[in-house]
C-alpha cells in the first residue's frame, strides 16, 4: 500500500482527493452512502455572509460530456454553517476547506475573520462580481486578484488561504502569480468555463440565467494544460480540478504539477467516485512501485525536451 498522504500548506491530508465546492454540499448526504472520513478533504458549498436563495430555475443543464450550472451560490450563510454543519463535518475526520464568496473586498475579509482558526483552510471563490467595479468578477484581472487575495488574507491569522482561479481570463498563470503576490498559500484551478446551451424548439437558452459554468469530463484537457502552466509560474502549491472521473485523471493532474486534486461533477454521475479514485490511486502506485504519491507531483516530461 502506497503512502497517499500529502501536505498542503501545512495541512495533512490522508490522500490528495478533495471534493470540489458546490458538488458535495456539506457532506451529510454523501456520508449516508460511504464514510466521507476516507476523503483527503471536503471543500464546502460556497459560503457568503448572508444566506442566498440563488438564481431562478432552471439553473442546471446537461450537454455531451459536461454540465452547465448557474446556481448562484445558494447557501445558508456562514453563521448557519458554523452553528449547524462545521462540528459535524470536522467529526468525520476529513480536512474542512471552507469555500467563500463576496460582493465586496470587505465581504471577503469579514467572512475570513469568522472562519479563521475554525476550519483547516479557506478557499476563495473570486469568480463573483465585484459590485463596486461595475460587476466585473474579482478573478478577471491580475490586479484585482492580488487585491482581493490580500484583503482576504488580512482576515486570516491561523488558517491557510487557497485562491480558486477562473479560466475565463487572458492568462491564468499571470493571475496565479498575482494571487501569490497577494499572500495566497496555494491556488486551485480551474473553476468553470462560461458556456451556453440552447433549447432549439423554444429558441431560448435552457438556463434561466442564459449562461452558466461548464464543468465535467469534457473540460479535462483544458484544465490539465492550465494546471501545468500555473505550476511553472508559481512557487506555492497547486490544487488541480476539472473533469476528473477516475484515478488516471487525477494522476495526470499530479504529474502536471498539482499537489492535490478536487473532484466535482463526477460526484453527480457516480456518488461513490471519490472512494473509487482513492482505491485506484493506491492500485496504480503499487503497480508502478511508487511508495509516496507526492513523488508524482510535477514529473511531466514534455516531448522534445
C-alpha atoms as a PDB file:
ATOM      1  CA  UNK A   1       0.000   0.000   0.000  1.00  0.00           C
ATOM      2  CA  UNK A   2       1.432   3.345  -1.078  1.00  0.00           C
ATOM      3  CA  UNK A   3       1.543   6.337   1.229  1.00  0.00           C
ATOM      4  CA  UNK A   4      -1.181   8.584  -0.215  1.00  0.00           C
ATOM      5  CA  UNK A   5      -0.868  11.373   2.357  1.00  0.00           C
ATOM      6  CA  UNK A   6       0.109  14.853   1.189  1.00  0.00           C
ATOM      7  CA  UNK A   7       0.941  18.070   2.982  1.00  0.00           C
ATOM      8  CA  UNK A   8      -0.969  21.052   1.635  1.00  0.00           C
ATOM      9  CA  UNK A   9       0.166  24.355   3.165  1.00  0.00           C
ATOM     10  CA  UNK A  10       0.828  22.649   6.492  1.00  0.00           C
ATOM     11  CA  UNK A  11      -2.485  20.760   6.431  1.00  0.00           C
ATOM     12  CA  UNK A  12      -2.005  16.995   6.430  1.00  0.00           C
ATOM     13  CA  UNK A  13      -4.397  15.272   4.031  1.00  0.00           C
ATOM     14  CA  UNK A  14      -4.715  11.482   4.286  1.00  0.00           C
ATOM     15  CA  UNK A  15      -4.821  11.417   0.472  1.00  0.00           C
ATOM     16  CA  UNK A  16      -4.874  14.033  -2.317  1.00  0.00           C
ATOM     17  CA  UNK A  17      -8.600  13.664  -3.120  1.00  0.00           C
ATOM     18  CA  UNK A  18     -10.783  16.639  -2.133  1.00  0.00           C
ATOM     19  CA  UNK A  19     -14.411  17.117  -3.134  1.00  0.00           C
ATOM     20  CA  UNK A  20     -14.998  20.307  -5.109  1.00  0.00           C
ATOM     21  CA  UNK A  21     -17.166  23.139  -3.820  1.00  0.00           C
ATOM     22  CA  UNK A  22     -20.775  23.141  -4.952  1.00  0.00           C
ATOM     23  CA  UNK A  23     -20.858  19.429  -5.787  1.00  0.00           C
ATOM     24  CA  UNK A  24     -20.865  17.890  -2.311  1.00  0.00           C
ATOM     25  CA  UNK A  25     -22.946  20.194  -0.132  1.00  0.00           C
ATOM     26  CA  UNK A  26     -21.545  19.932   3.395  1.00  0.00           C
ATOM     27  CA  UNK A  27     -21.110  16.170   3.085  1.00  0.00           C
ATOM     28  CA  UNK A  28     -24.106  14.880   5.024  1.00  0.00           C
ATOM     29  CA  UNK A  29     -25.936  13.286   2.092  1.00  0.00           C
ATOM     30  CA  UNK A  30     -22.827  11.550   0.789  1.00  0.00           C
ATOM     31  CA  UNK A  31     -21.979  10.288   4.274  1.00  0.00           C
ATOM     32  CA  UNK A  32     -25.152   8.196   4.075  1.00  0.00           C
ATOM     33  CA  UNK A  33     -23.525   6.322   1.158  1.00  0.00           C
ATOM     34  CA  UNK A  34     -19.959   5.993   2.481  1.00  0.00           C
ATOM     35  CA  UNK A  35     -17.777   7.239   5.326  1.00  0.00           C
ATOM     36  CA  UNK A  36     -16.555  10.588   4.000  1.00  0.00           C
ATOM     37  CA  UNK A  37     -13.744  10.383   6.535  1.00  0.00           C
ATOM     38  CA  UNK A  38     -11.846   8.445   3.844  1.00  0.00           C
ATOM     39  CA  UNK A  39     -11.501  11.667   1.826  1.00  0.00           C
ATOM     40  CA  UNK A  40      -8.469  13.905   1.907  1.00  0.00           C
ATOM     41  CA  UNK A  41     -10.752  16.900   2.308  1.00  0.00           C
ATOM     42  CA  UNK A  42     -14.129  18.474   1.604  1.00  0.00           C
ATOM     43  CA  UNK A  43     -14.444  21.908   0.036  1.00  0.00           C
ATOM     44  CA  UNK A  44     -17.811  23.151   1.238  1.00  0.00           C
ATOM     45  CA  UNK A  45     -20.608  24.687  -0.735  1.00  0.00           C
ATOM     46  CA  UNK A  46     -19.744  28.342  -1.368  1.00  0.00           C
ATOM     47  CA  UNK A  47     -20.487  30.426   1.726  1.00  0.00           C
ATOM     48  CA  UNK A  48     -21.489  34.089   1.873  1.00  0.00           C
ATOM     49  CA  UNK A  49     -22.006  36.411   4.843  1.00  0.00           C
ATOM     50  CA  UNK A  50     -25.782  36.226   4.463  1.00  0.00           C
ATOM     51  CA  UNK A  51     -27.986  33.368   3.242  1.00  0.00           C
ATOM     52  CA  UNK A  52     -28.655  33.342  -0.510  1.00  0.00           C
ATOM     53  CA  UNK A  53     -31.525  31.775  -2.464  1.00  0.00           C
ATOM     54  CA  UNK A  54     -29.515  31.641  -5.682  1.00  0.00           C
ATOM     55  CA  UNK A  55     -30.655  32.105  -9.279  1.00  0.00           C
ATOM     56  CA  UNK A  56     -34.078  31.244 -10.716  1.00  0.00           C
ATOM     57  CA  UNK A  57     -34.637  27.776 -12.213  1.00  0.00           C
ATOM     58  CA  UNK A  58     -33.814  26.041 -14.454  1.00  0.00           C
ATOM     59  CA  UNK A  59     -30.222  26.516 -13.402  1.00  0.00           C
ATOM     60  CA  UNK A  60     -28.580  23.229 -14.401  1.00  0.00           C
ATOM     61  CA  UNK A  61     -28.401  21.774 -17.919  1.00  0.00           C
ATOM     62  CA  UNK A  62     -26.666  18.696 -19.286  1.00  0.00           C
ATOM     63  CA  UNK A  63     -24.721  18.507 -22.518  1.00  0.00           C
ATOM     64  CA  UNK A  64     -22.385  15.939 -24.067  1.00  0.00           C
ATOM     65  CA  UNK A  65     -19.600  15.239 -21.598  1.00  0.00           C
ATOM     66  CA  UNK A  66     -20.335  18.335 -19.497  1.00  0.00           C
ATOM     67  CA  UNK A  67     -22.957  20.096 -17.413  1.00  0.00           C
ATOM     68  CA  UNK A  68     -23.758  23.799 -17.181  1.00  0.00           C
ATOM     69  CA  UNK A  69     -24.807  25.395 -13.929  1.00  0.00           C
ATOM     70  CA  UNK A  70     -25.871  28.830 -12.774  1.00  0.00           C
ATOM     71  CA  UNK A  71     -26.946  28.002  -9.222  1.00  0.00           C
ATOM     72  CA  UNK A  72     -25.945  31.437  -7.983  1.00  0.00           C
ATOM     73  CA  UNK A  73     -24.267  30.468  -4.707  1.00  0.00           C
ATOM     74  CA  UNK A  74     -27.405  29.310  -2.931  1.00  0.00           C
ATOM     75  CA  UNK A  75     -26.297  28.704   0.659  1.00  0.00           C
ATOM     76  CA  UNK A  76     -27.492  29.155   4.257  1.00  0.00           C
ATOM     77  CA  UNK A  77     -24.824  31.720   5.156  1.00  0.00           C
ATOM     78  CA  UNK A  78     -21.621  31.395   7.136  1.00  0.00           C
ATOM     79  CA  UNK A  79     -23.209  31.707  10.596  1.00  0.00           C
ATOM     80  CA  UNK A  80     -25.558  28.785   9.890  1.00  0.00           C
ATOM     81  CA  UNK A  81     -22.603  26.713   8.688  1.00  0.00           C
ATOM     82  CA  UNK A  82     -20.637  27.483  11.845  1.00  0.00           C
ATOM     83  CA  UNK A  83     -23.561  26.546  14.103  1.00  0.00           C
ATOM     84  CA  UNK A  84     -25.076  23.589  12.250  1.00  0.00           C
ATOM     85  CA  UNK A  85     -22.508  21.916   9.997  1.00  0.00           C
ATOM     86  CA  UNK A  86     -18.919  22.642  10.980  1.00  0.00           C
ATOM     87  CA  UNK A  87     -18.577  20.459  14.086  1.00  0.00           C
ATOM     88  CA  UNK A  88     -20.267  17.525  12.393  1.00  0.00           C
ATOM     89  CA  UNK A  89     -18.023  17.850   9.327  1.00  0.00           C
ATOM     90  CA  UNK A  90     -14.892  18.058  11.495  1.00  0.00           C
ATOM     91  CA  UNK A  91     -16.005  14.940  13.391  1.00  0.00           C
ATOM     92  CA  UNK A  92     -15.781  12.851  10.216  1.00  0.00           C
ATOM     93  CA  UNK A  93     -12.000  13.187  10.246  1.00  0.00           C
ATOM     94  CA  UNK A  94     -11.624  14.801   6.842  1.00  0.00           C
ATOM     95  CA  UNK A  95      -9.977  18.194   6.300  1.00  0.00           C
ATOM     96  CA  UNK A  96     -12.534  21.012   6.146  1.00  0.00           C
ATOM     97  CA  UNK A  97     -11.977  23.619   3.432  1.00  0.00           C
ATOM     98  CA  UNK A  98     -14.492  26.473   3.583  1.00  0.00           C
ATOM     99  CA  UNK A  99     -15.204  27.939   0.150  1.00  0.00           C
ATOM    100  CA  UNK A 100     -16.197  31.603   0.466  1.00  0.00           C
ATOM    101  CA  UNK A 101     -17.534  34.345  -1.783  1.00  0.00           C
ATOM    102  CA  UNK A 102     -18.411  38.016  -1.523  1.00  0.00           C
ATOM    103  CA  UNK A 103     -19.572  41.081  -3.433  1.00  0.00           C
ATOM    104  CA  UNK A 104     -17.017  43.481  -1.947  1.00  0.00           C
ATOM    105  CA  UNK A 105     -13.494  43.320  -0.576  1.00  0.00           C
ATOM    106  CA  UNK A 106     -14.840  43.819   2.936  1.00  0.00           C
ATOM    107  CA  UNK A 107     -17.164  40.840   2.444  1.00  0.00           C
ATOM    108  CA  UNK A 108     -14.190  38.582   1.786  1.00  0.00           C
ATOM    109  CA  UNK A 109     -12.198  39.909   4.725  1.00  0.00           C
ATOM    110  CA  UNK A 110     -15.105  39.666   7.165  1.00  0.00           C
ATOM    111  CA  UNK A 111     -16.095  36.129   6.221  1.00  0.00           C
ATOM    112  CA  UNK A 112     -12.472  35.038   6.536  1.00  0.00           C
ATOM    113  CA  UNK A 113     -12.340  36.536  10.034  1.00  0.00           C
ATOM    114  CA  UNK A 114     -15.375  34.458  11.031  1.00  0.00           C
ATOM    115  CA  UNK A 115     -13.745  31.256   9.787  1.00  0.00           C
ATOM    116  CA  UNK A 116     -10.170  31.884  10.962  1.00  0.00           C
ATOM    117  CA  UNK A 117      -8.881  29.102  13.175  1.00  0.00           C
ATOM    118  CA  UNK A 118     -12.136  27.139  12.859  1.00  0.00           C
ATOM    119  CA  UNK A 119     -11.561  25.361   9.546  1.00  0.00           C
ATOM    120  CA  UNK A 120      -8.447  23.741   8.089  1.00  0.00           C
ATOM    121  CA  UNK A 121      -8.323  26.042   5.073  1.00  0.00           C
ATOM    122  CA  UNK A 122     -10.296  28.769   3.305  1.00  0.00           C
ATOM    123  CA  UNK A 123     -10.832  28.615  -0.450  1.00  0.00           C
ATOM    124  CA  UNK A 124     -11.544  31.953  -2.116  1.00  0.00           C
ATOM    125  CA  UNK A 125     -14.120  31.974  -4.915  1.00  0.00           C
ATOM    126  CA  UNK A 126     -13.101  35.031  -6.930  1.00  0.00           C
ATOM    127  CA  UNK A 127     -15.425  34.430  -9.873  1.00  0.00           C
ATOM    128  CA  UNK A 128     -18.029  36.587  -8.139  1.00  0.00           C
ATOM    129  CA  UNK A 129     -18.993  40.043  -9.474  1.00  0.00           C
ATOM    130  CA  UNK A 130     -17.375  42.988  -7.711  1.00  0.00           C
ATOM    131  CA  UNK A 131     -20.372  45.258  -7.183  1.00  0.00           C
ATOM    132  CA  UNK A 132     -18.146  48.292  -6.644  1.00  0.00           C
ATOM    133  CA  UNK A 133     -16.387  47.794 -10.006  1.00  0.00           C
ATOM    134  CA  UNK A 134     -19.310  47.577 -12.393  1.00  0.00           C
ATOM    135  CA  UNK A 135     -19.969  43.881 -11.831  1.00  0.00           C
ATOM    136  CA  UNK A 136     -16.679  42.564 -13.246  1.00  0.00           C
ATOM    137  CA  UNK A 137     -15.534  39.411 -11.459  1.00  0.00           C
ATOM    138  CA  UNK A 138     -12.675  39.800  -8.970  1.00  0.00           C
ATOM    139  CA  UNK A 139     -10.812  37.000 -10.715  1.00  0.00           C
ATOM    140  CA  UNK A 140     -10.544  38.528 -14.201  1.00  0.00           C
ATOM    141  CA  UNK A 141      -7.595  40.929 -13.911  1.00  0.00           C
ATOM    142  CA  UNK A 142      -4.304  40.237 -12.097  1.00  0.00           C
ATOM    143  CA  UNK A 143      -4.535  43.486 -10.142  1.00  0.00           C
ATOM    144  CA  UNK A 144      -7.967  42.641  -8.703  1.00  0.00           C
ATOM    145  CA  UNK A 145      -6.879  39.059  -7.996  1.00  0.00           C
ATOM    146  CA  UNK A 146      -3.976  40.386  -5.970  1.00  0.00           C
ATOM    147  CA  UNK A 147      -6.155  42.938  -4.180  1.00  0.00           C
ATOM    148  CA  UNK A 148      -8.915  40.567  -3.113  1.00  0.00           C
ATOM    149  CA  UNK A 149      -6.360  37.961  -2.055  1.00  0.00           C
ATOM    150  CA  UNK A 150      -4.554  40.487   0.134  1.00  0.00           C
ATOM    151  CA  UNK A 151      -7.830  41.630   1.731  1.00  0.00           C
ATOM    152  CA  UNK A 152      -8.930  38.072   2.458  1.00  0.00           C
ATOM    153  CA  UNK A 153      -5.523  37.114   3.804  1.00  0.00           C
ATOM    154  CA  UNK A 154      -5.630  40.042   6.224  1.00  0.00           C
ATOM    155  CA  UNK A 155      -8.643  38.379   7.851  1.00  0.00           C
ATOM    156  CA  UNK A 156      -6.766  35.120   8.433  1.00  0.00           C
ATOM    157  CA  UNK A 157      -4.156  34.748  11.154  1.00  0.00           C
ATOM    158  CA  UNK A 158      -4.178  30.973  11.674  1.00  0.00           C
ATOM    159  CA  UNK A 159      -5.817  29.451   8.598  1.00  0.00           C
ATOM    160  CA  UNK A 160      -4.132  28.954   5.186  1.00  0.00           C
ATOM    161  CA  UNK A 161      -5.695  30.606   2.134  1.00  0.00           C
ATOM    162  CA  UNK A 162      -6.355  28.861  -1.171  1.00  0.00           C
ATOM    163  CA  UNK A 163      -7.419  31.033  -4.130  1.00  0.00           C
ATOM    164  CA  UNK A 164      -9.658  29.382  -6.744  1.00  0.00           C
ATOM    165  CA  UNK A 165      -8.809  30.697 -10.199  1.00  0.00           C
ATOM    166  CA  UNK A 166     -11.154  31.358 -13.091  1.00  0.00           C
ATOM    167  CA  UNK A 167     -10.168  30.018 -16.538  1.00  0.00           C
ATOM    168  CA  UNK A 168     -12.106  32.800 -18.280  1.00  0.00           C
ATOM    169  CA  UNK A 169      -9.086  35.104 -18.365  1.00  0.00           C
ATOM    170  CA  UNK A 170      -6.275  36.252 -20.622  1.00  0.00           C
ATOM    171  CA  UNK A 171      -3.558  34.427 -18.646  1.00  0.00           C
ATOM    172  CA  UNK A 172      -4.353  32.113 -15.752  1.00  0.00           C
ATOM    173  CA  UNK A 173      -0.621  31.904 -14.968  1.00  0.00           C
ATOM    174  CA  UNK A 174      -0.462  35.694 -14.541  1.00  0.00           C
ATOM    175  CA  UNK A 175      -3.479  35.580 -12.223  1.00  0.00           C
ATOM    176  CA  UNK A 176      -1.917  32.773 -10.205  1.00  0.00           C
ATOM    177  CA  UNK A 177       1.220  34.864  -9.774  1.00  0.00           C
ATOM    178  CA  UNK A 178      -0.970  37.775  -8.665  1.00  0.00           C
ATOM    179  CA  UNK A 179      -2.621  35.581  -6.038  1.00  0.00           C
ATOM    180  CA  UNK A 180       0.809  34.513  -4.841  1.00  0.00           C
ATOM    181  CA  UNK A 181       1.884  38.155  -4.504  1.00  0.00           C
ATOM    182  CA  UNK A 182      -1.315  38.863  -2.576  1.00  0.00           C
ATOM    183  CA  UNK A 183      -0.413  36.260   0.025  1.00  0.00           C
ATOM    184  CA  UNK A 184      -2.165  33.102  -1.165  1.00  0.00           C
ATOM    185  CA  UNK A 185      -0.761  29.940   0.397  1.00  0.00           C
ATOM    186  CA  UNK A 186      -1.900  27.879  -2.598  1.00  0.00           C
ATOM    187  CA  UNK A 187      -4.130  28.129  -5.659  1.00  0.00           C
ATOM    188  CA  UNK A 188      -6.826  25.824  -7.042  1.00  0.00           C
ATOM    189  CA  UNK A 189      -7.933  25.587 -10.665  1.00  0.00           C
ATOM    190  CA  UNK A 190      -9.891  25.523 -12.789  1.00  0.00           C
ATOM    191  CA  UNK A 191     -13.222  26.992 -11.853  1.00  0.00           C
ATOM    192  CA  UNK A 192     -15.911  26.550 -14.502  1.00  0.00           C
ATOM    193  CA  UNK A 193     -15.682  27.836 -18.053  1.00  0.00           C
ATOM    194  CA  UNK A 194     -18.502  30.060 -19.317  1.00  0.00           C
ATOM    195  CA  UNK A 195     -20.942  28.403 -21.709  1.00  0.00           C
ATOM    196  CA  UNK A 196     -24.465  28.271 -23.097  1.00  0.00           C
ATOM    197  CA  UNK A 197     -26.939  25.558 -24.084  1.00  0.00           C
ATOM    198  CA  UNK A 198     -29.954  26.302 -26.310  1.00  0.00           C
ATOM    199  CA  UNK A 199     -33.409  24.739 -26.452  1.00  0.00           C
ATOM    200  CA  UNK A 200     -33.832  24.709 -30.246  1.00  0.00           C
ATOM    201  CA  UNK A 201     -37.623  24.246 -30.054  1.00  0.00           C
ATOM    202  CA  UNK A 202     -38.065  27.350 -27.901  1.00  0.00           C
ATOM    203  CA  UNK A 203     -35.062  29.179 -29.407  1.00  0.00           C
ATOM    204  CA  UNK A 204     -34.057  30.208 -25.914  1.00  0.00           C
ATOM    205  CA  UNK A 205     -31.183  29.315 -23.561  1.00  0.00           C
ATOM    206  CA  UNK A 206     -32.039  26.317 -21.381  1.00  0.00           C
ATOM    207  CA  UNK A 207     -30.712  28.010 -18.257  1.00  0.00           C
ATOM    208  CA  UNK A 208     -32.771  30.911 -16.902  1.00  0.00           C
ATOM    209  CA  UNK A 209     -29.559  32.879 -16.369  1.00  0.00           C
ATOM    210  CA  UNK A 210     -28.787  32.406 -20.112  1.00  0.00           C
ATOM    211  CA  UNK A 211     -25.184  31.361 -19.499  1.00  0.00           C
ATOM    212  CA  UNK A 212     -23.639  29.055 -16.937  1.00  0.00           C
ATOM    213  CA  UNK A 213     -20.424  27.473 -15.769  1.00  0.00           C
ATOM    214  CA  UNK A 214     -19.279  24.453 -17.767  1.00  0.00           C
ATOM    215  CA  UNK A 215     -17.741  21.509 -15.910  1.00  0.00           C
ATOM    216  CA  UNK A 216     -17.348  17.770 -16.357  1.00  0.00           C
ATOM    217  CA  UNK A 217     -15.181  15.273 -18.213  1.00  0.00           C
ATOM    218  CA  UNK A 218     -15.102  17.351 -21.398  1.00  0.00           C
ATOM    219  CA  UNK A 219     -13.058  20.178 -19.833  1.00  0.00           C
ATOM    220  CA  UNK A 220     -10.207  17.994 -18.522  1.00  0.00           C
ATOM    221  CA  UNK A 221      -7.603  18.645 -21.268  1.00  0.00           C
ATOM    222  CA  UNK A 222      -8.048  22.400 -20.822  1.00  0.00           C
ATOM    223  CA  UNK A 223      -7.736  22.091 -17.057  1.00  0.00           C
ATOM    224  CA  UNK A 224      -4.609  19.913 -17.225  1.00  0.00           C
ATOM    225  CA  UNK A 225      -2.911  22.418 -19.546  1.00  0.00           C
ATOM    226  CA  UNK A 226      -3.752  25.318 -17.242  1.00  0.00           C
ATOM    227  CA  UNK A 227      -2.544  23.459 -14.145  1.00  0.00           C
ATOM    228  CA  UNK A 228       0.763  22.779 -15.896  1.00  0.00           C
ATOM    229  CA  UNK A 229       1.147  26.452 -16.860  1.00  0.00           C
ATOM    230  CA  UNK A 230       0.366  27.665 -13.341  1.00  0.00           C
ATOM    231  CA  UNK A 231       2.686  25.127 -11.695  1.00  0.00           C
ATOM    232  CA  UNK A 232       5.527  26.549 -13.815  1.00  0.00           C
ATOM    233  CA  UNK A 233       4.650  30.127 -12.808  1.00  0.00           C
ATOM    234  CA  UNK A 234       4.305  29.945  -9.003  1.00  0.00           C
ATOM    235  CA  UNK A 235       6.217  28.554  -6.041  1.00  0.00           C
ATOM    236  CA  UNK A 236       3.125  27.858  -3.912  1.00  0.00           C
ATOM    237  CA  UNK A 237       1.235  24.528  -4.160  1.00  0.00           C
ATOM    238  CA  UNK A 238      -1.364  23.965  -6.871  1.00  0.00           C
ATOM    239  CA  UNK A 239      -4.617  22.017  -6.472  1.00  0.00           C
ATOM    240  CA  UNK A 240      -5.954  20.754  -9.793  1.00  0.00           C
ATOM    241  CA  UNK A 241      -9.529  20.150 -10.861  1.00  0.00           C
ATOM    242  CA  UNK A 242     -11.663  19.954 -13.968  1.00  0.00           C
ATOM    243  CA  UNK A 243     -13.158  16.780 -15.430  1.00  0.00           C
ATOM    244  CA  UNK A 244     -11.632  14.218 -13.073  1.00  0.00           C
ATOM    245  CA  UNK A 245     -13.624  10.958 -13.194  1.00  0.00           C
ATOM    246  CA  UNK A 246     -11.048   8.279 -12.291  1.00  0.00           C
ATOM    247  CA  UNK A 247      -7.666   7.712 -10.689  1.00  0.00           C
ATOM    248  CA  UNK A 248      -5.862   8.022 -14.024  1.00  0.00           C
ATOM    249  CA  UNK A 249      -7.324  11.511 -14.496  1.00  0.00           C
ATOM    250  CA  UNK A 250      -6.126  12.531 -11.041  1.00  0.00           C
ATOM    251  CA  UNK A 251      -2.619  11.248 -11.817  1.00  0.00           C
ATOM    252  CA  UNK A 252      -2.497  13.439 -14.935  1.00  0.00           C
ATOM    253  CA  UNK A 253      -3.064  16.500 -12.751  1.00  0.00           C
ATOM    254  CA  UNK A 254      -0.430  15.402 -10.246  1.00  0.00           C
ATOM    255  CA  UNK A 255       2.136  14.874 -12.986  1.00  0.00           C
ATOM    256  CA  UNK A 256       1.241  18.293 -14.430  1.00  0.00           C
ATOM    257  CA  UNK A 257       2.219  19.872 -11.109  1.00  0.00           C
ATOM    258  CA  UNK A 258      -0.687  19.527  -8.688  1.00  0.00           C
ATOM    259  CA  UNK A 259      -0.124  18.583  -5.055  1.00  0.00           C
ATOM    260  CA  UNK A 260      -3.777  17.532  -4.636  1.00  0.00           C
ATOM    261  CA  UNK A 261      -6.936  17.368  -6.750  1.00  0.00           C
ATOM    262  CA  UNK A 262     -10.592  18.227  -6.422  1.00  0.00           C
ATOM    263  CA  UNK A 263     -13.390  16.076  -7.840  1.00  0.00           C
ATOM    264  CA  UNK A 264     -16.653  17.820  -8.670  1.00  0.00           C
ATOM    265  CA  UNK A 265     -19.145  16.960 -11.402  1.00  0.00           C
ATOM    266  CA  UNK A 266     -18.322  13.245 -11.258  1.00  0.00           C
ATOM    267  CA  UNK A 267     -19.999  13.153  -7.817  1.00  0.00           C
ATOM    268  CA  UNK A 268     -23.326  13.690  -9.601  1.00  0.00           C
ATOM    269  CA  UNK A 269     -22.919  10.795 -12.036  1.00  0.00           C
ATOM    270  CA  UNK A 270     -21.379   8.394  -9.511  1.00  0.00           C
ATOM    271  CA  UNK A 271     -21.752   9.304  -5.826  1.00  0.00           C
ATOM    272  CA  UNK A 272     -19.044   6.749  -4.949  1.00  0.00           C
ATOM    273  CA  UNK A 273     -16.489   8.154  -7.379  1.00  0.00           C
ATOM    274  CA  UNK A 274     -14.146   9.634  -4.742  1.00  0.00           C
ATOM    275  CA  UNK A 275     -13.516   6.425  -2.771  1.00  0.00           C
ATOM    276  CA  UNK A 276     -13.077   4.641  -6.116  1.00  0.00           C
ATOM    277  CA  UNK A 277     -10.446   7.200  -7.143  1.00  0.00           C
ATOM    278  CA  UNK A 278      -8.613   6.765  -3.828  1.00  0.00           C
ATOM    279  CA  UNK A 279      -8.568   2.981  -4.310  1.00  0.00           C
ATOM    280  CA  UNK A 280      -7.409   3.466  -7.890  1.00  0.00           C
ATOM    281  CA  UNK A 281      -4.544   5.724  -6.815  1.00  0.00           C
ATOM    282  CA  UNK A 282      -3.345   3.069  -4.393  1.00  0.00           C
ATOM    283  CA  UNK A 283      -3.514   0.369  -7.038  1.00  0.00           C
ATOM    284  CA  UNK A 284      -1.690   2.487  -9.647  1.00  0.00           C
ATOM    285  CA  UNK A 285       1.095   3.397  -7.230  1.00  0.00           C
ATOM    286  CA  UNK A 286       1.528  -0.252  -6.232  1.00  0.00           C
ATOM    287  CA  UNK A 287       1.734  -1.346  -9.887  1.00  0.00           C
ATOM    288  CA  UNK A 288       4.367   1.296 -10.633  1.00  0.00           C
ATOM    289  CA  UNK A 289       6.432   0.916  -7.469  1.00  0.00           C
ATOM    290  CA  UNK A 290       5.527   4.362  -6.116  1.00  0.00           C
ATOM    291  CA  UNK A 291       5.917   4.482  -2.337  1.00  0.00           C
ATOM    292  CA  UNK A 292       4.692   8.055  -1.787  1.00  0.00           C
ATOM    293  CA  UNK A 293       2.136   9.642  -4.080  1.00  0.00           C
ATOM    294  CA  UNK A 294       3.769  13.035  -3.588  1.00  0.00           C
ATOM    295  CA  UNK A 295       6.619  11.705  -5.744  1.00  0.00           C
ATOM    296  CA  UNK A 296       4.364  12.128  -8.794  1.00  0.00           C
ATOM    297  CA  UNK A 297       3.844  15.890  -8.478  1.00  0.00           C
ATOM    298  CA  UNK A 298       5.471  17.813 -11.314  1.00  0.00           C
ATOM    299  CA  UNK A 299       7.044  14.784 -13.016  1.00  0.00           C
ATOM    300  CA  UNK A 300       5.647  15.507 -16.503  1.00  0.00           C
ATOM    301  CA  UNK A 301       8.330  15.398 -19.203  1.00  0.00           C
ATOM    302  CA  UNK A 302       7.441  17.350 -22.331  1.00  0.00           C
ATOM    303  CA  UNK A 303       8.025  15.853 -25.754  1.00  0.00           C
ATOM    304  CA  UNK A 304      11.117  17.165 -27.471  1.00  0.00           C
ATOM    305  CA  UNK A 305      12.923  18.021 -24.242  1.00  0.00           C
END
